[in-house]
Amino acid sequence: MKELYLVIAYDTPSDSRRVKLAKLLKGFGERRQYSLFEARLTREQWAHLKGKLEALVDKNEDILAVYFLPPEAVERTWRIGHKGLRRLEDPEFV
């Protein structure tokens, strides 16, 4: 199973969409900053998340970017203050 490593950043002027985006992304990844998440997903999980993001984001008002990282870049990531990325299937994932 090939995994995708994603960094997802967003900004929206809408408080309700901001809350919905955060809630959605908490189900797929880990929050690293207020509007920045990391995720480690399968291609099927990414397809599911992408569909939900496209339905939620207002293309005229919001900004959302998804950065796909190669595995070797994730292994070289230097972190302070939190552990590395977990899989969606790992225990303790909310």
Foldseek 3Di string as FASTA:
>chain_A
DDKWKKKKFKDFPDPVLLVVVVVLVLLAFADDDSGITIGIGDPVVVVVSVVVCVVRDDPVTMDMDMDTDDPVVLVPDDDDDDDGIDHSPDPPRD
